[in-house]
PDB file of N, CA and C in Angstrom:
ATOM      1  N   MET A   1       0.636  -1.262  -0.088  1.00  0.00           N
ATOM      2  CA  MET A   1       0.000  -0.094  -0.123  1.00  0.00           C
ATOM      3  C   MET A   1       0.833   1.330  -0.005  1.00  0.00           C
ATOM      4  N   ARG A   2       2.037   1.303   0.736  1.00  0.00           N
ATOM      5  CA  ARG A   2       2.793   2.429   0.741  1.00  0.00           C
ATOM      6  C   ARG A   2       3.628   2.610  -0.454  1.00  0.00           C
ATOM      7  N   TRP A   3       3.906   1.796  -1.348  1.00  0.00           N
ATOM      8  CA  TRP A   3       4.449   1.714  -2.545  1.00  0.00           C
ATOM      9  C   TRP A   3       3.508   2.380  -3.401  1.00  0.00           C
ATOM     10  N   LEU A   4       2.118   1.955  -3.462  1.00  0.00           N
ATOM     11  CA  LEU A   4       1.211   2.614  -4.457  1.00  0.00           C
ATOM     12  C   LEU A   4       0.978   4.162  -3.976  1.00  0.00           C
ATOM     13  N   VAL A   5       1.023   4.572  -2.640  1.00  0.00           N
ATOM     14  CA  VAL A   5       0.883   5.947  -2.404  1.00  0.00           C
ATOM     15  C   VAL A   5       2.200   6.649  -3.146  1.00  0.00           C
ATOM     16  N   VAL A   6       3.440   6.123  -2.933  1.00  0.00           N
ATOM     17  CA  VAL A   6       4.625   6.818  -3.305  1.00  0.00           C
ATOM     18  C   VAL A   6       4.367   6.965  -4.928  1.00  0.00           C
ATOM     19  N   LEU A   7       3.938   5.832  -5.547  1.00  0.00           N
ATOM     20  CA  LEU A   7       3.861   5.826  -7.033  1.00  0.00           C
ATOM     21  C   LEU A   7       2.852   6.786  -7.516  1.00  0.00           C
ATOM     22  N   LEU A   8       1.784   6.955  -6.720  1.00  0.00           N
ATOM     23  CA  LEU A   8       0.599   7.938  -7.299  1.00  0.00           C
ATOM     24  C   LEU A   8       1.242   9.364  -6.864  1.00  0.00           C
ATOM     25  N   VAL A   9       1.868   9.681  -5.990  1.00  0.00           N
ATOM     26  CA  VAL A   9       2.535  10.971  -5.688  1.00  0.00           C
ATOM     27  C   VAL A   9       3.661  11.227  -6.619  1.00  0.00           C
ATOM     28  N   GLY A  10       4.312  10.360  -7.188  1.00  0.00           N
ATOM     29  CA  GLY A  10       5.387  10.476  -8.056  1.00  0.00           C
ATOM     30  C   GLY A  10       4.545  10.649  -9.414  1.00  0.00           C
ATOM     31  N   LEU A  11       3.661  10.145  -9.731  1.00  0.00           N
ATOM     32  CA  LEU A  11       2.924  10.346 -10.953  1.00  0.00           C
ATOM     33  C   LEU A  11       2.261  11.701 -10.918  1.00  0.00           C
ATOM     34  N   LEU A  12       1.779  11.996  -9.868  1.00  0.00           N
ATOM     35  CA  LEU A  12       1.265  13.438  -9.816  1.00  0.00           C
ATOM     36  C   LEU A  12       2.199  14.519 -10.064  1.00  0.00           C
ATOM     37  N   ALA A  13       3.404  14.282  -9.270  1.00  0.00           N
ATOM     38  CA  ALA A  13       4.347  15.112  -9.351  1.00  0.00           C
ATOM     39  C   ALA A  13       4.905  15.454 -10.843  1.00  0.00           C
ATOM     40  N   ALA A  14       4.951  14.227 -11.585  1.00  0.00           N
ATOM     41  CA  ALA A  14       5.446  14.319 -12.949  1.00  0.00           C
ATOM     42  C   ALA A  14       4.323  15.057 -13.993  1.00  0.00           C
ATOM     43  N   LEU A  15       3.222  14.716 -13.580  1.00  0.00           N
ATOM     44  CA  LEU A  15       2.030  15.432 -14.296  1.00  0.00           C
ATOM     45  C   LEU A  15       2.001  17.051 -14.183  1.00  0.00           C
ATOM     46  N   GLN A  16       2.260  17.348 -12.819  1.00  0.00           N
ATOM     47  CA  GLN A  16       2.220  18.878 -12.358  1.00  0.00           C
ATOM     48  C   GLN A  16       3.511  19.497 -13.204  1.00  0.00           C
ATOM     49  N   TYR A  17       4.630  18.786 -13.026  1.00  0.00           N
ATOM     50  CA  TYR A  17       5.922  19.203 -13.865  1.00  0.00           C
ATOM     51  C   TYR A  17       5.603  19.558 -15.188  1.00  0.00           C
ATOM     52  N   SER A  18       4.965  18.402 -15.865  1.00  0.00           N
ATOM     53  CA  SER A  18       4.457  18.757 -17.359  1.00  0.00           C
ATOM     54  C   SER A  18       3.763  19.981 -17.513  1.00  0.00           C
ATOM     55  N   LEU A  19       2.677  20.181 -16.712  1.00  0.00           N
ATOM     56  CA  LEU A  19       1.654  21.140 -16.715  1.00  0.00           C
ATOM     57  C   LEU A  19       2.234  22.547 -16.496  1.00  0.00           C
ATOM     58  N   TRP A  20       3.240  22.802 -15.372  1.00  0.00           N
ATOM     59  CA  TRP A  20       3.751  23.969 -15.192  1.00  0.00           C
ATOM     60  C   TRP A  20       5.116  24.365 -15.682  1.00  0.00           C
ATOM     61  N   ILE A  21       5.976  23.444 -16.058  1.00  0.00           N
ATOM     62  CA  ILE A  21       7.346  23.771 -16.351  1.00  0.00           C
ATOM     63  C   ILE A  21       7.710  23.028 -17.738  1.00  0.00           C
ATOM     64  N   GLY A  22       7.456  22.009 -18.016  1.00  0.00           N
ATOM     65  CA  GLY A  22       7.768  21.141 -19.195  1.00  0.00           C
ATOM     66  C   GLY A  22       7.486  21.745 -20.439  1.00  0.00           C
ATOM     67  N   THR A  23       7.673  21.154 -21.679  1.00  0.00           N
ATOM     68  CA  THR A  23       7.271  21.429 -22.852  1.00  0.00           C
ATOM     69  C   THR A  23       5.695  21.248 -22.993  1.00  0.00           C
ATOM     70  N   GLY A  24       5.152  22.436 -23.478  1.00  0.00           N
ATOM     71  CA  GLY A  24       3.510  22.372 -23.524  1.00  0.00           C
ATOM     72  C   GLY A  24       3.115  22.859 -22.312  1.00  0.00           C
ATOM     73  N   SER A  25       3.836  23.456 -21.343  1.00  0.00           N
ATOM     74  CA  SER A  25       3.243  23.993 -20.195  1.00  0.00           C
ATOM     75  C   SER A  25       2.411  25.251 -20.472  1.00  0.00           C
ATOM     76  N   LEU A  26       1.747  25.678 -19.503  1.00  0.00           N
ATOM     77  CA  LEU A  26       0.796  26.896 -19.633  1.00  0.00           C
ATOM     78  C   LEU A  26       1.790  28.024 -20.145  1.00  0.00           C
ATOM     79  N   ALA A  27       3.192  28.126 -19.460  1.00  0.00           N
ATOM     80  CA  ALA A  27       3.957  29.322 -19.627  1.00  0.00           C
ATOM     81  C   ALA A  27       4.327  29.132 -21.140  1.00  0.00           C
ATOM     82  N   ASP A  28       4.571  28.073 -21.536  1.00  0.00           N
ATOM     83  CA  ASP A  28       4.981  27.794 -22.949  1.00  0.00           C
ATOM     84  C   ASP A  28       3.782  28.032 -23.854  1.00  0.00           C
ATOM     85  N   VAL A  29       2.615  27.729 -23.766  1.00  0.00           N
ATOM     86  CA  VAL A  29       1.407  28.011 -24.489  1.00  0.00           C
ATOM     87  C   VAL A  29       1.463  29.522 -24.565  1.00  0.00           C
ATOM     88  N   HIS A  30       1.386  30.149 -23.236  1.00  0.00           N
ATOM     89  CA  HIS A  30       1.315  31.615 -23.484  1.00  0.00           C
ATOM     90  C   HIS A  30       2.390  32.326 -24.203  1.00  0.00           C
ATOM     91  N   ARG A  31       3.542  31.906 -24.169  1.00  0.00           N
ATOM     92  CA  ARG A  31       4.542  32.492 -24.985  1.00  0.00           C
ATOM     93  C   ARG A  31       4.339  32.241 -26.521  1.00  0.00           C
ATOM     94  N   LEU A  32       3.695  31.280 -26.709  1.00  0.00           N
ATOM     95  CA  LEU A  32       3.362  30.928 -28.137  1.00  0.00           C
ATOM     96  C   LEU A  32       2.397  31.752 -28.695  1.00  0.00           C
ATOM     97  N   HIS A  33       1.592  31.761 -27.830  1.00  0.00           N
ATOM     98  CA  HIS A  33       0.167  32.874 -28.175  1.00  0.00           C
ATOM     99  C   HIS A  33       0.676  34.177 -28.375  1.00  0.00           C
ATOM    100  N   LEU A  34       1.626  34.612 -27.848  1.00  0.00           N
ATOM    101  CA  LEU A  34       2.300  35.990 -27.790  1.00  0.00           C
ATOM    102  C   LEU A  34       3.046  36.141 -29.082  1.00  0.00           C
ATOM    103  N   SER A  35       3.850  35.011 -29.399  1.00  0.00           N
ATOM    104  CA  SER A  35       4.558  34.997 -30.690  1.00  0.00           C
ATOM    105  C   SER A  35       3.576  34.953 -31.818  1.00  0.00           C
ATOM    106  N   VAL A  36       2.651  34.096 -31.912  1.00  0.00           N
ATOM    107  CA  VAL A  36       1.698  34.206 -32.986  1.00  0.00           C
ATOM    108  C   VAL A  36       1.031  35.353 -33.086  1.00  0.00           C
ATOM    109  N   ALA A  37       0.656  36.181 -32.138  1.00  0.00           N
ATOM    110  CA  ALA A  37      -0.055  37.441 -32.165  1.00  0.00           C
ATOM    111  C   ALA A  37       1.061  38.516 -32.896  1.00  0.00           C
ATOM    112  N   LYS A  38       2.337  38.459 -32.393  1.00  0.00           N
ATOM    113  CA  LYS A  38       3.298  39.274 -32.919  1.00  0.00           C
ATOM    114  C   LYS A  38       3.643  39.197 -34.590  1.00  0.00           C
ATOM    115  N   GLN A  39       3.614  37.890 -34.858  1.00  0.00           N
ATOM    116  CA  GLN A  39       3.923  37.490 -36.297  1.00  0.00           C
ATOM    117  C   GLN A  39       2.639  37.808 -37.084  1.00  0.00           C
ATOM    118  N   THR A  40       1.405  37.773 -36.559  1.00  0.00           N
ATOM    119  CA  THR A  40       0.327  38.073 -37.291  1.00  0.00           C
ATOM    120  C   THR A  40       0.403  39.557 -37.525  1.00  0.00           C
ATOM    121  N   ARG A  41       0.588  40.608 -36.498  1.00  0.00           N
ATOM    122  CA  ARG A  41       0.758  41.772 -36.730  1.00  0.00           C
ATOM    123  C   ARG A  41       1.880  42.039 -37.844  1.00  0.00           C
ATOM    124  N   GLU A  42       2.948  41.350 -37.985  1.00  0.00           N
ATOM    125  CA  GLU A  42       4.000  41.508 -38.808  1.00  0.00           C
ATOM    126  C   GLU A  42       3.545  41.127 -40.286  1.00  0.00           C
ATOM    127  N   ASN A  43       2.930  40.022 -40.369  1.00  0.00           N
ATOM    128  CA  ASN A  43       2.328  39.676 -41.639  1.00  0.00           C
ATOM    129  C   ASN A  43       1.317  40.711 -42.327  1.00  0.00           C
ATOM    130  N   ALA A  44       0.564  41.388 -41.315  1.00  0.00           N
ATOM    131  CA  ALA A  44      -0.447  42.517 -41.758  1.00  0.00           C
ATOM    132  C   ALA A  44       0.221  43.624 -42.231  1.00  0.00           C
ATOM    133  N   ARG A  45       1.346  43.933 -41.663  1.00  0.00           N
ATOM    134  CA  ARG A  45       2.114  45.223 -42.065  1.00  0.00           C
ATOM    135  C   ARG A  45       2.720  44.789 -43.379  1.00  0.00           C
ATOM    136  N   LEU A  46       3.273  43.704 -43.585  1.00  0.00           N
ATOM    137  CA  LEU A  46       4.049  43.304 -44.835  1.00  0.00           C
ATOM    138  C   LEU A  46       3.087  43.247 -45.828  1.00  0.00           C
ATOM    139  N   SER A  47       1.737  42.599 -45.611  1.00  0.00           N
ATOM    140  CA  SER A  47       0.765  42.489 -46.549  1.00  0.00           C
ATOM    141  C   SER A  47       0.450  43.855 -47.188  1.00  0.00           C
ATOM    142  N   GLU A  48       0.342  44.769 -46.337  1.00  0.00           N
ATOM    143  CA  GLU A  48       0.021  46.160 -46.680  1.00  0.00           C
ATOM    144  C   GLU A  48       1.055  46.815 -47.594  1.00  0.00           C
ATOM    145  N   ARG A  49       2.471  46.575 -47.227  1.00  0.00           N
ATOM    146  CA  ARG A  49       3.413  46.974 -48.004  1.00  0.00           C
ATOM    147  C   ARG A  49       3.600  46.409 -49.433  1.00  0.00           C
ATOM    148  N   ASN A  50       3.124  45.092 -49.582  1.00  0.00           N
ATOM    149  CA  ASN A  50       3.117  44.410 -50.753  1.00  0.00           C
ATOM    150  C   ASN A  50       1.924  44.926 -51.578  1.00  0.00           C
ATOM    151  N   LYS A  51       0.940  45.159 -51.080  1.00  0.00           N
ATOM    152  CA  LYS A  51      -0.181  45.777 -51.959  1.00  0.00           C
ATOM    153  C   LYS A  51       0.158  47.247 -52.376  1.00  0.00           C
ATOM    154  N   ALA A  52       0.951  47.798 -51.605  1.00  0.00           N
ATOM    155  CA  ALA A  52       1.263  49.174 -52.041  1.00  0.00           C
ATOM    156  C   ALA A  52       2.372  49.076 -53.365  1.00  0.00           C
ATOM    157  N   LEU A  53       3.309  48.035 -52.993  1.00  0.00           N
ATOM    158  CA  LEU A  53       4.358  47.944 -54.094  1.00  0.00           C
ATOM    159  C   LEU A  53       3.627  47.241 -55.297  1.00  0.00           C
ATOM    160  N   GLU A  54       2.648  46.365 -55.275  1.00  0.00           N
ATOM    161  CA  GLU A  54       1.974  45.730 -56.525  1.00  0.00           C
ATOM    162  C   GLU A  54       1.100  46.951 -57.251  1.00  0.00           C
ATOM    163  N   ALA A  55       0.560  47.865 -56.472  1.00  0.00           N
ATOM    164  CA  ALA A  55       0.076  49.156 -57.087  1.00  0.00           C
ATOM    165  C   ALA A  55       1.099  49.893 -57.801  1.00  0.00           C
ATOM    166  N   GLU A  56       2.146  50.175 -57.164  1.00  0.00           N
ATOM    167  CA  GLU A  56       3.213  50.993 -57.938  1.00  0.00           C
ATOM    168  C   GLU A  56       3.781  50.292 -59.068  1.00  0.00           C
ATOM    169  N   VAL A  57       4.037  48.884 -59.177  1.00  0.00           N
ATOM    170  CA  VAL A  57       4.421  48.325 -60.185  1.00  0.00           C
ATOM    171  C   VAL A  57       3.379  48.164 -61.385  1.00  0.00           C
ATOM    172  N   ARG A  58       2.019  48.090 -60.935  1.00  0.00           N
ATOM    173  CA  ARG A  58       1.128  48.022 -61.843  1.00  0.00           C
ATOM    174  C   ARG A  58       1.071  49.550 -62.728  1.00  0.00           C
ATOM    175  N   ASP A  59       1.192  50.607 -61.907  1.00  0.00           N
ATOM    176  CA  ASP A  59       1.114  52.029 -62.494  1.00  0.00           C
ATOM    177  C   ASP A  59       2.197  52.212 -63.397  1.00  0.00           C
ATOM    178  N   LEU A  60       3.546  51.655 -62.915  1.00  0.00           N
ATOM    179  CA  LEU A  60       4.639  51.801 -63.687  1.00  0.00           C
ATOM    180  C   LEU A  60       4.562  50.898 -65.030  1.00  0.00           C
ATOM    181  N   LYS A  61       3.728  49.830 -65.079  1.00  0.00           N
ATOM    182  CA  LYS A  61       3.590  48.847 -66.224  1.00  0.00           C
ATOM    183  C   LYS A  61       2.641  49.538 -67.074  1.00  0.00           C
ATOM    184  N   HIS A  62       1.619  50.235 -66.677  1.00  0.00           N
ATOM    185  CA  HIS A  62       0.325  50.579 -67.558  1.00  0.00           C
ATOM    186  C   HIS A  62       0.328  52.086 -67.480  1.00  0.00           C
ATOM    187  N   GLY A  63       0.874  52.714 -66.486  1.00  0.00           N
ATOM    188  CA  GLY A  63       0.553  54.151 -66.647  1.00  0.00           C
ATOM    189  C   GLY A  63       1.660  55.059 -66.864  1.00  0.00           C
ATOM    190  N   LEU A  64       1.480  55.931 -67.877  1.00  0.00           N
ATOM    191  CA  LEU A  64       2.587  56.816 -68.305  1.00  0.00           C
ATOM    192  C   LEU A  64       2.575  58.114 -67.491  1.00  0.00           C
ATOM    193  N   ALA A  65       1.509  58.186 -66.538  1.00  0.00           N
ATOM    194  CA  ALA A  65       1.573  59.298 -65.731  1.00  0.00           C
ATOM    195  C   ALA A  65       2.655  58.978 -64.606  1.00  0.00           C
ATOM    196  N   ALA A  66       2.584  57.798 -64.088  1.00  0.00           N
ATOM    197  CA  ALA A  66       3.465  57.380 -62.811  1.00  0.00           C
ATOM    198  C   ALA A  66       5.026  57.257 -63.531  1.00  0.00           C
ATOM    199  N   ILE A  67       5.401  56.979 -64.697  1.00  0.00           N
ATOM    200  CA  ILE A  67       6.659  57.068 -65.248  1.00  0.00           C
ATOM    201  C   ILE A  67       6.977  58.606 -65.424  1.00  0.00           C
ATOM    202  N   GLU A  68       6.178  59.408 -65.820  1.00  0.00           N
ATOM    203  CA  GLU A  68       6.348  60.979 -65.871  1.00  0.00           C
ATOM    204  C   GLU A  68       6.654  61.517 -64.667  1.00  0.00           C
ATOM    205  N   GLU A  69       5.882  61.222 -63.734  1.00  0.00           N
ATOM    206  CA  GLU A  69       6.046  61.705 -62.319  1.00  0.00           C
ATOM    207  C   GLU A  69       7.506  61.249 -61.765  1.00  0.00           C
ATOM    208  N   ARG A  70       7.899  60.064 -61.937  1.00  0.00           N
ATOM    209  CA  ARG A  70       9.209  59.513 -61.429  1.00  0.00           C
ATOM    210  C   ARG A  70      10.399  60.364 -62.145  1.00  0.00           C
ATOM    211  N   ALA A  71      10.069  60.460 -63.534  1.00  0.00           N
ATOM    212  CA  ALA A  71      11.092  61.178 -64.219  1.00  0.00           C
ATOM    213  C   ALA A  71      11.228  62.670 -63.798  1.00  0.00           C
ATOM    214  N   ARG A  72      10.153  63.365 -63.318  1.00  0.00           N
ATOM    215  CA  ARG A  72      10.117  64.582 -62.945  1.00  0.00           C
ATOM    216  C   ARG A  72      10.845  64.815 -61.453  1.00  0.00           C
ATOM    217  N   THR A  73      10.449  63.894 -60.562  1.00  0.00           N
ATOM    218  CA  THR A  73      10.923  64.093 -59.272  1.00  0.00           C
ATOM    219  C   THR A  73      12.129  63.625 -59.034  1.00  0.00           C
ATOM    220  N   GLU A  74      12.547  62.458 -59.750  1.00  0.00           N
ATOM    221  CA  GLU A  74      13.846  61.678 -59.414  1.00  0.00           C
ATOM    222  C   GLU A  74      15.021  62.103 -60.203  1.00  0.00           C
ATOM    223  N   LEU A  75      14.592  62.496 -61.552  1.00  0.00           N
ATOM    224  CA  LEU A  75      15.664  62.729 -62.585  1.00  0.00           C
ATOM    225  C   LEU A  75      15.410  64.216 -62.969  1.00  0.00           C
ATOM    226  N   GLY A  76      14.601  65.076 -62.578  1.00  0.00           N
ATOM    227  CA  GLY A  76      14.660  66.500 -62.697  1.00  0.00           C
ATOM    228  C   GLY A  76      14.232  66.661 -64.195  1.00  0.00           C
ATOM    229  N   MET A  77      13.529  65.966 -64.796  1.00  0.00           N
ATOM    230  CA  MET A  77      13.252  66.092 -66.220  1.00  0.00           C
ATOM    231  C   MET A  77      11.975  66.807 -66.370  1.00  0.00           C
ATOM    232  N   ILE A  78      12.009  67.684 -67.589  1.00  0.00           N
ATOM    233  CA  ILE A  78      10.855  68.435 -67.879  1.00  0.00           C
ATOM    234  C   ILE A  78      10.410  68.102 -69.431  1.00  0.00           C
ATOM    235  N   LYS A  79       9.197  68.508 -69.724  1.00  0.00           N
ATOM    236  CA  LYS A  79       8.832  68.348 -71.051  1.00  0.00           C
ATOM    237  C   LYS A  79       9.141  69.274 -72.066  1.00  0.00           C
ATOM    238  N   LYS A  80       9.135  68.941 -73.448  1.00  0.00           N
ATOM    239  CA  LYS A  80       9.436  69.833 -74.445  1.00  0.00           C
ATOM    240  C   LYS A  80       8.411  71.031 -74.393  1.00  0.00           C
ATOM    241  N   GLY A  81       8.759  72.268 -74.518  1.00  0.00           N
ATOM    242  CA  GLY A  81       7.835  73.332 -74.588  1.00  0.00           C
ATOM    243  C   GLY A  81       7.673  74.001 -73.075  1.00  0.00           C
ATOM    244  N   GLU A  82       8.056  73.112 -72.158  1.00  0.00           N
ATOM    245  CA  GLU A  82       7.957  73.872 -70.780  1.00  0.00           C
ATOM    246  C   GLU A  82       9.076  74.568 -70.351  1.00  0.00           C
ATOM    247  N   THR A  83       8.862  75.557 -69.389  1.00  0.00           N
ATOM    248  CA  THR A  83       9.828  76.517 -69.052  1.00  0.00           C
ATOM    249  C   THR A  83      10.138  75.987 -67.478  1.00  0.00           C
ATOM    250  N   PHE A  84      11.490  75.835 -67.074  1.00  0.00           N
ATOM    251  CA  PHE A  84      11.676  75.573 -65.863  1.00  0.00           C
ATOM    252  C   PHE A  84      12.138  76.773 -64.944  1.00  0.00           C
ATOM    253  N   TYR A  85      11.501  76.999 -63.883  1.00  0.00           N
ATOM    254  CA  TYR A  85      11.840  78.084 -62.915  1.00  0.00           C
ATOM    255  C   TYR A  85      12.438  77.300 -61.739  1.00  0.00           C
ATOM    256  N   GLN A  86      13.497  77.906 -61.385  1.00  0.00           N
ATOM    257  CA  GLN A  86      14.072  77.478 -59.959  1.00  0.00           C
ATOM    258  C   GLN A  86      14.052  78.844 -59.091  1.00  0.00           C
ATOM    259  N   VAL A  87      13.596  78.608 -57.972  1.00  0.00           N
ATOM    260  CA  VAL A  87      13.393  79.745 -56.937  1.00  0.00           C
ATOM    261  C   VAL A  87      14.503  79.449 -56.078  1.00  0.00           C
ATOM    262  N   VAL A  88      15.197  80.411 -55.639  1.00  0.00           N
ATOM    263  CA  VAL A  88      16.407  80.402 -54.803  1.00  0.00           C
ATOM    264  C   VAL A  88      16.168  81.450 -53.689  1.00  0.00           C
ATOM    265  N   ASP A  89      16.228  81.057 -52.451  1.00  0.00           N
ATOM    266  CA  ASP A  89      15.811  82.000 -51.380  1.00  0.00           C
ATOM    267  C   ASP A  89      17.214  82.826 -51.216  1.00  0.00           C
ATOM    268  N   ALA A  90      17.040  84.097 -50.835  1.00  0.00           N
ATOM    269  CA  ALA A  90      18.089  84.950 -50.627  1.00  0.00           C
ATOM    270  C   ALA A  90      18.824  84.453 -49.314  1.00  0.00           C
ATOM    271  N   PRO A  91      20.105  84.638 -49.139  1.00  0.00           N
ATOM    272  CA  PRO A  91      20.698  84.352 -47.986  1.00  0.00           C
ATOM    273  C   PRO A  91      20.211  85.225 -46.761  1.00  0.00           C
ATOM    274  N   GLN A  92      20.399  84.698 -45.645  1.00  0.00           N
ATOM    275  CA  GLN A  92      19.823  85.419 -44.474  1.00  0.00           C
ATOM    276  C   GLN A  92      20.268  86.818 -44.251  1.00  0.00           C
ATOM    277  N   GLY A  93      21.597  87.092 -44.460  1.00  0.00           N
ATOM    278  CA  GLY A  93      22.049  88.422 -44.204  1.00  0.00           C
ATOM    279  C   GLY A  93      21.516  89.408 -45.282  1.00  0.00           C
ATOM    280  N   GLN A  94      21.486  89.113 -46.600  1.00  0.00           N
ATOM    281  CA  GLN A  94      20.983  89.948 -47.677  1.00  0.00           C
ATOM    282  C   GLN A  94      19.424  90.326 -47.627  1.00  0.00           C
ATOM    283  N   HIS A  95      18.584  89.306 -47.099  1.00  0.00           N
ATOM    284  CA  HIS A  95      17.313  89.521 -46.887  1.00  0.00           C
ATOM    285  C   HIS A  95      16.982  90.567 -45.985  1.00  0.00           C
ATOM    286  N   LYS A  96      17.868  90.594 -44.877  1.00  0.00           N
ATOM    287  CA  LYS A  96      17.446  91.660 -43.786  1.00  0.00           C
ATOM    288  C   LYS A  96      17.878  93.067 -44.176  1.00  0.00           C
ATOM    289  N   LYS A  97      18.906  92.994 -44.801  1.00  0.00           N
ATOM    290  CA  LYS A  97      19.486  94.360 -45.372  1.00  0.00           C
ATOM    291  C   LYS A  97      18.434  94.943 -46.278  1.00  0.00           C
ATOM    292  N   ALA A  98      17.907  94.096 -47.123  1.00  0.00           N
ATOM    293  CA  ALA A  98      17.039  94.710 -48.238  1.00  0.00           C
ATOM    294  C   ALA A  98      15.645  95.201 -47.532  1.00  0.00           C
ATOM    295  N   SER A  99      15.243  94.558 -46.420  1.00  0.00           N
ATOM    296  CA  SER A  99      14.063  94.990 -45.862  1.00  0.00           C
ATOM    297  C   SER A  99      14.250  96.336 -45.081  1.00  0.00           C
ATOM    298  N   ARG A 100      15.623  96.844 -44.650  1.00  0.00           N
ATOM    299  CA  ARG A 100      15.662  97.967 -43.946  1.00  0.00           C
ATOM    300  C   ARG A 100      15.721  99.212 -45.053  1.00  0.00           C
ATOM    301  N   LYS A 101      15.965  99.104 -46.128  1.00  0.00           N
ATOM    302  CA  LYS A 101      15.987 100.256 -47.053  1.00  0.00           C
ATOM    303  C   LYS A 101      14.835 100.731 -47.376  1.00  0.00           C
TER     304      LYS A 101
END
């Protein structure tokens, strides 16, 4: 009878160890839930980025306006017949002197 009690207490201790500390424990499951939530947020962020990139690729393949916009902003190109104006701010010292006169 005494050996049976010792065996049952040992079995209970092994099950408790598995529940609280071992692989698949409550802490392990909680950590995995947090990891899945973090990965889900990261996947959503990347999915939005992919959608934006797909739209940009589609515009570049089919839309001349997107190509023209890139040429203007990134390469500084202008169309034939357009006049390019560059506005340069006066240096700080000259601007103050001009306003005193």
